[in-house]
Amino acid sequence: MIERNIQDLYNAALGFLKTGEESVKNAIANMERVFEELKAKGASDKSEQVIRGREMIRDLSIKLEEARGYVNKLGASK
């Protein structure tokens, strides 16, 4: 009787973990799908404001890469 209860608890715990794992996988897949939809919607926006924003992001990215190179150069010279 006790062995049966322990076995039932063990099986219930395994089922719980399996269900949780499946839920997490489904949630991740759903988030990836929504992200791709949002990304496509944003990429299709050709308004002047959006174009300026993209240019600012590109410029910021270039500046950050330059800064990283400078910092790496400083660290290497020590």
PDB file of N, CA and C in Angstrom:
ATOM      1  N   MET A   1       0.823  -1.195   0.000  1.00  0.00           N
ATOM      2  CA  MET A   1       0.000   0.000   0.000  1.00  0.00           C
ATOM      3  C   MET A   1       0.869   1.262   0.000  1.00  0.00           C
ATOM      4  N   ILE A   2       1.839   1.354   0.903  1.00  0.00           N
ATOM      5  CA  ILE A   2       2.731   2.509   0.954  1.00  0.00           C
ATOM      6  C   ILE A   2       3.565   2.569  -0.325  1.00  0.00           C
ATOM      7  N   GLU A   3       4.029   1.411  -0.772  1.00  0.00           N
ATOM      8  CA  GLU A   3       4.821   1.366  -1.999  1.00  0.00           C
ATOM      9  C   GLU A   3       3.998   1.896  -3.184  1.00  0.00           C
ATOM     10  N   ARG A   4       2.744   1.534  -3.228  1.00  0.00           N
ATOM     11  CA  ARG A   4       1.842   1.982  -4.298  1.00  0.00           C
ATOM     12  C   ARG A   4       1.664   3.507  -4.248  1.00  0.00           C
ATOM     13  N   ASN A   5       1.516   4.070  -3.048  1.00  0.00           N
ATOM     14  CA  ASN A   5       1.373   5.521  -2.892  1.00  0.00           C
ATOM     15  C   ASN A   5       2.644   6.249  -3.337  1.00  0.00           C
ATOM     16  N   ILE A   6       3.778   5.702  -2.974  1.00  0.00           N
ATOM     17  CA  ILE A   6       5.052   6.301  -3.380  1.00  0.00           C
ATOM     18  C   ILE A   6       5.184   6.255  -4.901  1.00  0.00           C
ATOM     19  N   GLN A   7       4.826   5.114  -5.471  1.00  0.00           N
ATOM     20  CA  GLN A   7       4.888   4.965  -6.930  1.00  0.00           C
ATOM     21  C   GLN A   7       3.941   5.959  -7.614  1.00  0.00           C
ATOM     22  N   ASP A   8       2.755   6.139  -7.057  1.00  0.00           N
ATOM     23  CA  ASP A   8       1.803   7.092  -7.613  1.00  0.00           C
ATOM     24  C   ASP A   8       2.344   8.522  -7.540  1.00  0.00           C
ATOM     25  N   LEU A   9       2.941   8.881  -6.411  1.00  0.00           N
ATOM     26  CA  LEU A   9       3.529  10.212  -6.258  1.00  0.00           C
ATOM     27  C   LEU A   9       4.666  10.423  -7.252  1.00  0.00           C
ATOM     28  N   TYR A  10       5.492   9.408  -7.414  1.00  0.00           N
ATOM     29  CA  TYR A  10       6.610   9.468  -8.351  1.00  0.00           C
ATOM     30  C   TYR A  10       6.087   9.686  -9.777  1.00  0.00           C
ATOM     31  N   ASN A  11       5.090   8.908 -10.171  1.00  0.00           N
ATOM     32  CA  ASN A  11       4.515   9.042 -11.506  1.00  0.00           C
ATOM     33  C   ASN A  11       3.857  10.406 -11.707  1.00  0.00           C
ATOM     34  N   ALA A  12       3.180  10.897 -10.683  1.00  0.00           N
ATOM     35  CA  ALA A  12       2.557  12.216 -10.767  1.00  0.00           C
ATOM     36  C   ALA A  12       3.630  13.303 -10.936  1.00  0.00           C
ATOM     37  N   ALA A  13       4.731  13.175 -10.201  1.00  0.00           N
ATOM     38  CA  ALA A  13       5.825  14.145 -10.321  1.00  0.00           C
ATOM     39  C   ALA A  13       6.415  14.107 -11.728  1.00  0.00           C
ATOM     40  N   LEU A  14       6.610  12.923 -12.276  1.00  0.00           N
ATOM     41  CA  LEU A  14       7.125  12.806 -13.645  1.00  0.00           C
ATOM     42  C   LEU A  14       6.164  13.439 -14.650  1.00  0.00           C
ATOM     43  N   GLY A  15       4.875  13.184 -14.468  1.00  0.00           N
ATOM     44  CA  GLY A  15       3.876  13.790 -15.344  1.00  0.00           C
ATOM     45  C   GLY A  15       3.883  15.303 -15.251  1.00  0.00           C
ATOM     46  N   PHE A  16       4.022  15.802 -14.037  1.00  0.00           N
ATOM     47  CA  PHE A  16       4.087  17.246 -13.820  1.00  0.00           C
ATOM     48  C   PHE A  16       5.293  17.837 -14.545  1.00  0.00           C
ATOM     49  N   LEU A  17       6.451  17.210 -14.407  1.00  0.00           N
ATOM     50  CA  LEU A  17       7.660  17.698 -15.062  1.00  0.00           C
ATOM     51  C   LEU A  17       7.528  17.647 -16.586  1.00  0.00           C
ATOM     52  N   LYS A  18       6.980  16.575 -17.094  1.00  0.00           N
ATOM     53  CA  LYS A  18       6.802  16.422 -18.540  1.00  0.00           C
ATOM     54  C   LYS A  18       5.843  17.488 -19.071  1.00  0.00           C
ATOM     55  N   THR A  19       4.751  17.714 -18.365  1.00  0.00           N
ATOM     56  CA  THR A  19       3.787  18.739 -18.766  1.00  0.00           C
ATOM     57  C   THR A  19       4.429  20.117 -18.728  1.00  0.00           C
ATOM     58  N   GLY A  20       5.200  20.378 -17.691  1.00  0.00           N
ATOM     59  CA  GLY A  20       5.893  21.666 -17.588  1.00  0.00           C
ATOM     60  C   GLY A  20       6.881  21.857 -18.719  1.00  0.00           C
ATOM     61  N   GLU A  21       7.612  20.820 -19.050  1.00  0.00           N
ATOM     62  CA  GLU A  21       8.588  20.890 -20.140  1.00  0.00           C
ATOM     63  C   GLU A  21       7.883  21.182 -21.468  1.00  0.00           C
ATOM     64  N   GLU A  22       6.786  20.503 -21.718  1.00  0.00           N
ATOM     65  CA  GLU A  22       6.028  20.731 -22.949  1.00  0.00           C
ATOM     66  C   GLU A  22       5.471  22.152 -22.991  1.00  0.00           C
ATOM     67  N   SER A  23       4.995  22.642 -21.855  1.00  0.00           N
ATOM     68  CA  SER A  23       4.455  24.000 -21.795  1.00  0.00           C
ATOM     69  C   SER A  23       5.536  25.029 -22.091  1.00  0.00           C
ATOM     70  N   VAL A  24       6.714  24.833 -21.541  1.00  0.00           N
ATOM     71  CA  VAL A  24       7.821  25.759 -21.785  1.00  0.00           C
ATOM     72  C   VAL A  24       8.214  25.736 -23.262  1.00  0.00           C
ATOM     73  N   LYS A  25       8.308  24.548 -23.841  1.00  0.00           N
ATOM     74  CA  LYS A  25       8.647  24.449 -25.266  1.00  0.00           C
ATOM     75  C   LYS A  25       7.604  25.138 -26.129  1.00  0.00           C
ATOM     76  N   ASN A  26       6.336  24.952 -25.803  1.00  0.00           N
ATOM     77  CA  ASN A  26       5.266  25.607 -26.556  1.00  0.00           C
ATOM     78  C   ASN A  26       5.319  27.122 -26.402  1.00  0.00           C
ATOM     79  N   ALA A  27       5.594  27.589 -25.196  1.00  0.00           N
ATOM     80  CA  ALA A  27       5.671  29.026 -24.949  1.00  0.00           C
ATOM     81  C   ALA A  27       6.829  29.644 -25.731  1.00  0.00           C
ATOM     82  N   ILE A  28       7.967  28.965 -25.756  1.00  0.00           N
ATOM     83  CA  ILE A  28       9.128  29.468 -26.496  1.00  0.00           C
ATOM     84  C   ILE A  28       8.815  29.521 -27.988  1.00  0.00           C
ATOM     85  N   ALA A  29       8.214  28.465 -28.509  1.00  0.00           N
ATOM     86  CA  ALA A  29       7.854  28.434 -29.932  1.00  0.00           C
ATOM     87  C   ALA A  29       6.882  29.559 -30.261  1.00  0.00           C
ATOM     88  N   ASN A  30       5.927  29.797 -29.386  1.00  0.00           N
ATOM     89  CA  ASN A  30       4.956  30.870 -29.605  1.00  0.00           C
ATOM     90  C   ASN A  30       5.636  32.236 -29.572  1.00  0.00           C
ATOM     91  N   MET A  31       6.530  32.451 -28.626  1.00  0.00           N
ATOM     92  CA  MET A  31       7.243  33.723 -28.537  1.00  0.00           C
ATOM     93  C   MET A  31       8.100  33.946 -29.775  1.00  0.00           C
ATOM     94  N   GLU A  32       8.751  32.909 -30.266  1.00  0.00           N
ATOM     95  CA  GLU A  32       9.564  33.034 -31.476  1.00  0.00           C
ATOM     96  C   GLU A  32       8.703  33.397 -32.682  1.00  0.00           C
ATOM     97  N   ARG A  33       7.525  32.781 -32.780  1.00  0.00           N
ATOM     98  CA  ARG A  33       6.611  33.073 -33.884  1.00  0.00           C
ATOM     99  C   ARG A  33       6.143  34.523 -33.819  1.00  0.00           C
ATOM    100  N   VAL A  34       5.750  34.970 -32.645  1.00  0.00           N
ATOM    101  CA  VAL A  34       5.276  36.347 -32.479  1.00  0.00           C
ATOM    102  C   VAL A  34       6.410  37.329 -32.776  1.00  0.00           C
ATOM    103  N   PHE A  35       7.616  37.018 -32.316  1.00  0.00           N
ATOM    104  CA  PHE A  35       8.769  37.888 -32.573  1.00  0.00           C
ATOM    105  C   PHE A  35       8.997  38.033 -34.077  1.00  0.00           C
ATOM    106  N   GLU A  36       8.942  36.928 -34.803  1.00  0.00           N
ATOM    107  CA  GLU A  36       9.142  36.970 -36.255  1.00  0.00           C
ATOM    108  C   GLU A  36       8.050  37.798 -36.933  1.00  0.00           C
ATOM    109  N   GLU A  37       6.810  37.673 -36.481  1.00  0.00           N
ATOM    110  CA  GLU A  37       5.710  38.467 -37.039  1.00  0.00           C
ATOM    111  C   GLU A  37       5.927  39.962 -36.781  1.00  0.00           C
ATOM    112  N   LEU A  38       6.324  40.301 -35.557  1.00  0.00           N
ATOM    113  CA  LEU A  38       6.574  41.699 -35.215  1.00  0.00           C
ATOM    114  C   LEU A  38       7.751  42.250 -35.998  1.00  0.00           C
ATOM    115  N   LYS A  39       8.798  41.442 -36.130  1.00  0.00           N
ATOM    116  CA  LYS A  39       9.979  41.858 -36.883  1.00  0.00           C
ATOM    117  C   LYS A  39       9.614  42.150 -38.343  1.00  0.00           C
ATOM    118  N   ALA A  40       8.811  41.289 -38.949  1.00  0.00           N
ATOM    119  CA  ALA A  40       8.386  41.491 -40.337  1.00  0.00           C
ATOM    120  C   ALA A  40       7.532  42.744 -40.467  1.00  0.00           C
ATOM    121  N   LYS A  41       6.654  42.960 -39.502  1.00  0.00           N
ATOM    122  CA  LYS A  41       5.796  44.144 -39.538  1.00  0.00           C
ATOM    123  C   LYS A  41       6.646  45.413 -39.421  1.00  0.00           C
ATOM    124  N   GLY A  42       7.615  45.406 -38.532  1.00  0.00           N
ATOM    125  CA  GLY A  42       8.499  46.564 -38.372  1.00  0.00           C
ATOM    126  C   GLY A  42       9.366  46.790 -39.595  1.00  0.00           C
ATOM    127  N   ALA A  43       9.861  45.706 -40.201  1.00  0.00           N
ATOM    128  CA  ALA A  43      10.714  45.830 -41.384  1.00  0.00           C
ATOM    129  C   ALA A  43       9.962  46.422 -42.561  1.00  0.00           C
ATOM    130  N   SER A  44       8.663  46.236 -42.599  1.00  0.00           N
ATOM    131  CA  SER A  44       7.867  46.752 -43.722  1.00  0.00           C
ATOM    132  C   SER A  44       7.557  48.240 -43.580  1.00  0.00           C
ATOM    133  N   ASP A  45       7.835  48.815 -42.413  1.00  0.00           N
ATOM    134  CA  ASP A  45       7.564  50.243 -42.183  1.00  0.00           C
ATOM    135  C   ASP A  45       8.674  51.068 -42.836  1.00  0.00           C
ATOM    136  N   LYS A  46       8.303  51.886 -43.799  1.00  0.00           N
ATOM    137  CA  LYS A  46       9.276  52.699 -44.533  1.00  0.00           C
ATOM    138  C   LYS A  46       9.089  54.189 -44.269  1.00  0.00           C
ATOM    139  N   SER A  47       8.468  54.522 -43.149  1.00  0.00           N
ATOM    140  CA  SER A  47       8.237  55.931 -42.844  1.00  0.00           C
ATOM    141  C   SER A  47       9.562  56.637 -42.552  1.00  0.00           C
ATOM    142  N   GLU A  48       9.538  57.957 -42.717  1.00  0.00           N
ATOM    143  CA  GLU A  48      10.757  58.755 -42.513  1.00  0.00           C
ATOM    144  C   GLU A  48      11.285  58.612 -41.088  1.00  0.00           C
ATOM    145  N   GLN A  49      10.390  58.617 -40.110  1.00  0.00           N
ATOM    146  CA  GLN A  49      10.801  58.471 -38.706  1.00  0.00           C
ATOM    147  C   GLN A  49      11.518  57.148 -38.487  1.00  0.00           C
ATOM    148  N   VAL A  50      10.977  56.095 -39.029  1.00  0.00           N
ATOM    149  CA  VAL A  50      11.552  54.767 -38.845  1.00  0.00           C
ATOM    150  C   VAL A  50      12.916  54.681 -39.528  1.00  0.00           C
ATOM    151  N   ILE A  51      13.014  55.254 -40.712  1.00  0.00           N
ATOM    152  CA  ILE A  51      14.299  55.241 -41.424  1.00  0.00           C
ATOM    153  C   ILE A  51      15.352  55.994 -40.613  1.00  0.00           C
ATOM    154  N   ARG A  52      14.987  57.147 -40.056  1.00  0.00           N
ATOM    155  CA  ARG A  52      15.928  57.899 -39.205  1.00  0.00           C
ATOM    156  C   ARG A  52      16.316  57.074 -37.982  1.00  0.00           C
ATOM    157  N   GLY A  53      15.350  56.387 -37.397  1.00  0.00           N
ATOM    158  CA  GLY A  53      15.653  55.539 -36.241  1.00  0.00           C
ATOM    159  C   GLY A  53      16.628  54.428 -36.594  1.00  0.00           C
ATOM    160  N   ARG A  54      16.426  53.807 -37.756  1.00  0.00           N
ATOM    161  CA  ARG A  54      17.351  52.749 -38.189  1.00  0.00           C
ATOM    162  C   ARG A  54      18.755  53.300 -38.410  1.00  0.00           C
ATOM    163  N   GLU A  55      18.840  54.495 -38.985  1.00  0.00           N
ATOM    164  CA  GLU A  55      20.143  55.126 -39.196  1.00  0.00           C
ATOM    165  C   GLU A  55      20.831  55.419 -37.868  1.00  0.00           C
ATOM    166  N   MET A  56      20.055  55.871 -36.892  1.00  0.00           N
ATOM    167  CA  MET A  56      20.625  56.147 -35.563  1.00  0.00           C
ATOM    168  C   MET A  56      21.152  54.864 -34.929  1.00  0.00           C
ATOM    169  N   ILE A  57      20.408  53.788 -35.065  1.00  0.00           N
ATOM    170  CA  ILE A  57      20.847  52.502 -34.509  1.00  0.00           C
ATOM    171  C   ILE A  57      22.122  52.042 -35.203  1.00  0.00           C
ATOM    172  N   ARG A  58      22.165  52.171 -36.531  1.00  0.00           N
ATOM    173  CA  ARG A  58      23.368  51.787 -37.276  1.00  0.00           C
ATOM    174  C   ARG A  58      24.566  52.610 -36.810  1.00  0.00           C
ATOM    175  N   ASP A  59      24.386  53.929 -36.690  1.00  0.00           N
ATOM    176  CA  ASP A  59      25.475  54.805 -36.248  1.00  0.00           C
ATOM    177  C   ASP A  59      25.923  54.462 -34.833  1.00  0.00           C
ATOM    178  N   LEU A  60      24.978  54.200 -33.957  1.00  0.00           N
ATOM    179  CA  LEU A  60      25.311  53.826 -32.584  1.00  0.00           C
ATOM    180  C   LEU A  60      26.098  52.525 -32.565  1.00  0.00           C
ATOM    181  N   SER A  61      25.690  51.572 -33.383  1.00  0.00           N
ATOM    182  CA  SER A  61      26.387  50.293 -33.451  1.00  0.00           C
ATOM    183  C   SER A  61      27.835  50.484 -33.901  1.00  0.00           C
ATOM    184  N   ILE A  62      28.037  51.338 -34.893  1.00  0.00           N
ATOM    185  CA  ILE A  62      29.391  51.622 -35.377  1.00  0.00           C
ATOM    186  C   ILE A  62      30.222  52.252 -34.270  1.00  0.00           C
ATOM    187  N   LYS A  63      29.654  53.214 -33.574  1.00  0.00           N
ATOM    188  CA  LYS A  63      30.376  53.886 -32.482  1.00  0.00           C
ATOM    189  C   LYS A  63      30.724  52.907 -31.354  1.00  0.00           C
ATOM    190  N   LEU A  64      29.794  52.008 -31.041  1.00  0.00           N
ATOM    191  CA  LEU A  64      30.066  51.027 -29.987  1.00  0.00           C
ATOM    192  C   LEU A  64      31.185  50.079 -30.401  1.00  0.00           C
ATOM    193  N   GLU A  65      31.203  49.662 -31.656  1.00  0.00           N
ATOM    194  CA  GLU A  65      32.282  48.794 -32.146  1.00  0.00           C
ATOM    195  C   GLU A  65      33.621  49.526 -32.090  1.00  0.00           C
ATOM    196  N   GLU A  66      33.623  50.803 -32.460  1.00  0.00           N
ATOM    197  CA  GLU A  66      34.849  51.600 -32.380  1.00  0.00           C
ATOM    198  C   GLU A  66      35.330  51.719 -30.938  1.00  0.00           C
ATOM    199  N   ALA A  67      34.400  51.960 -30.018  1.00  0.00           N
ATOM    200  CA  ALA A  67      34.746  52.076 -28.600  1.00  0.00           C
ATOM    201  C   ALA A  67      35.295  50.760 -28.072  1.00  0.00           C
ATOM    202  N   ARG A  68      34.668  49.636 -28.471  1.00  0.00           N
ATOM    203  CA  ARG A  68      35.149  48.347 -28.019  1.00  0.00           C
ATOM    204  C   ARG A  68      36.584  48.097 -28.518  1.00  0.00           C
ATOM    205  N   GLY A  69      36.845  48.431 -29.774  1.00  0.00           N
ATOM    206  CA  GLY A  69      38.198  48.286 -30.314  1.00  0.00           C
ATOM    207  C   GLY A  69      39.195  49.134 -29.552  1.00  0.00           C
ATOM    208  N   TYR A  70      38.819  50.359 -29.214  1.00  0.00           N
ATOM    209  CA  TYR A  70      39.696  51.244 -28.454  1.00  0.00           C
ATOM    210  C   TYR A  70      39.978  50.679 -27.074  1.00  0.00           C
ATOM    211  N   VAL A  71      38.945  50.207 -26.398  1.00  0.00           N
ATOM    212  CA  VAL A  71      39.112  49.636 -25.057  1.00  0.00           C
ATOM    213  C   VAL A  71      39.982  48.384 -25.137  1.00  0.00           C
ATOM    214  N   ASN A  72      39.770  47.541 -26.129  1.00  0.00           N
ATOM    215  CA  ASN A  72      40.600  46.348 -26.285  1.00  0.00           C
ATOM    216  C   ASN A  72      42.050  46.708 -26.544  1.00  0.00           C
ATOM    217  N   LYS A  73      42.253  47.744 -27.331  1.00  0.00           N
ATOM    218  CA  LYS A  73      43.621  48.196 -27.614  1.00  0.00           C
ATOM    219  C   LYS A  73      44.287  48.704 -26.332  1.00  0.00           C
ATOM    220  N   LEU A  74      43.543  49.445 -25.510  1.00  0.00           N
ATOM    221  CA  LEU A  74      44.072  49.941 -24.239  1.00  0.00           C
ATOM    222  C   LEU A  74      44.420  48.771 -23.308  1.00  0.00           C
ATOM    223  N   GLY A  75      43.542  47.769 -23.269  1.00  0.00           N
ATOM    224  CA  GLY A  75      43.797  46.618 -22.407  1.00  0.00           C
ATOM    225  C   GLY A  75      44.997  45.808 -22.862  1.00  0.00           C
ATOM    226  N   ALA A  76      45.218  45.721 -24.135  1.00  0.00           N
ATOM    227  CA  ALA A  76      46.337  44.963 -24.669  1.00  0.00           C
ATOM    228  C   ALA A  76      47.660  45.659 -24.433  1.00  0.00           C
ATOM    229  N   SER A  77      47.633  46.975 -24.286  1.00  0.00           N
ATOM    230  CA  SER A  77      48.877  47.714 -24.102  1.00  0.00           C
ATOM    231  C   SER A  77      49.373  47.698 -22.659  1.00  0.00           C
ATOM    232  N   LYS A  78      48.598  47.132 -21.762  1.00  0.00           N
ATOM    233  CA  LYS A  78      49.007  47.092 -20.338  1.00  0.00           C
ATOM    234  C   LYS A  78      49.950  45.953 -20.096  1.00  0.00           C
TER     235      LYS A  78
END
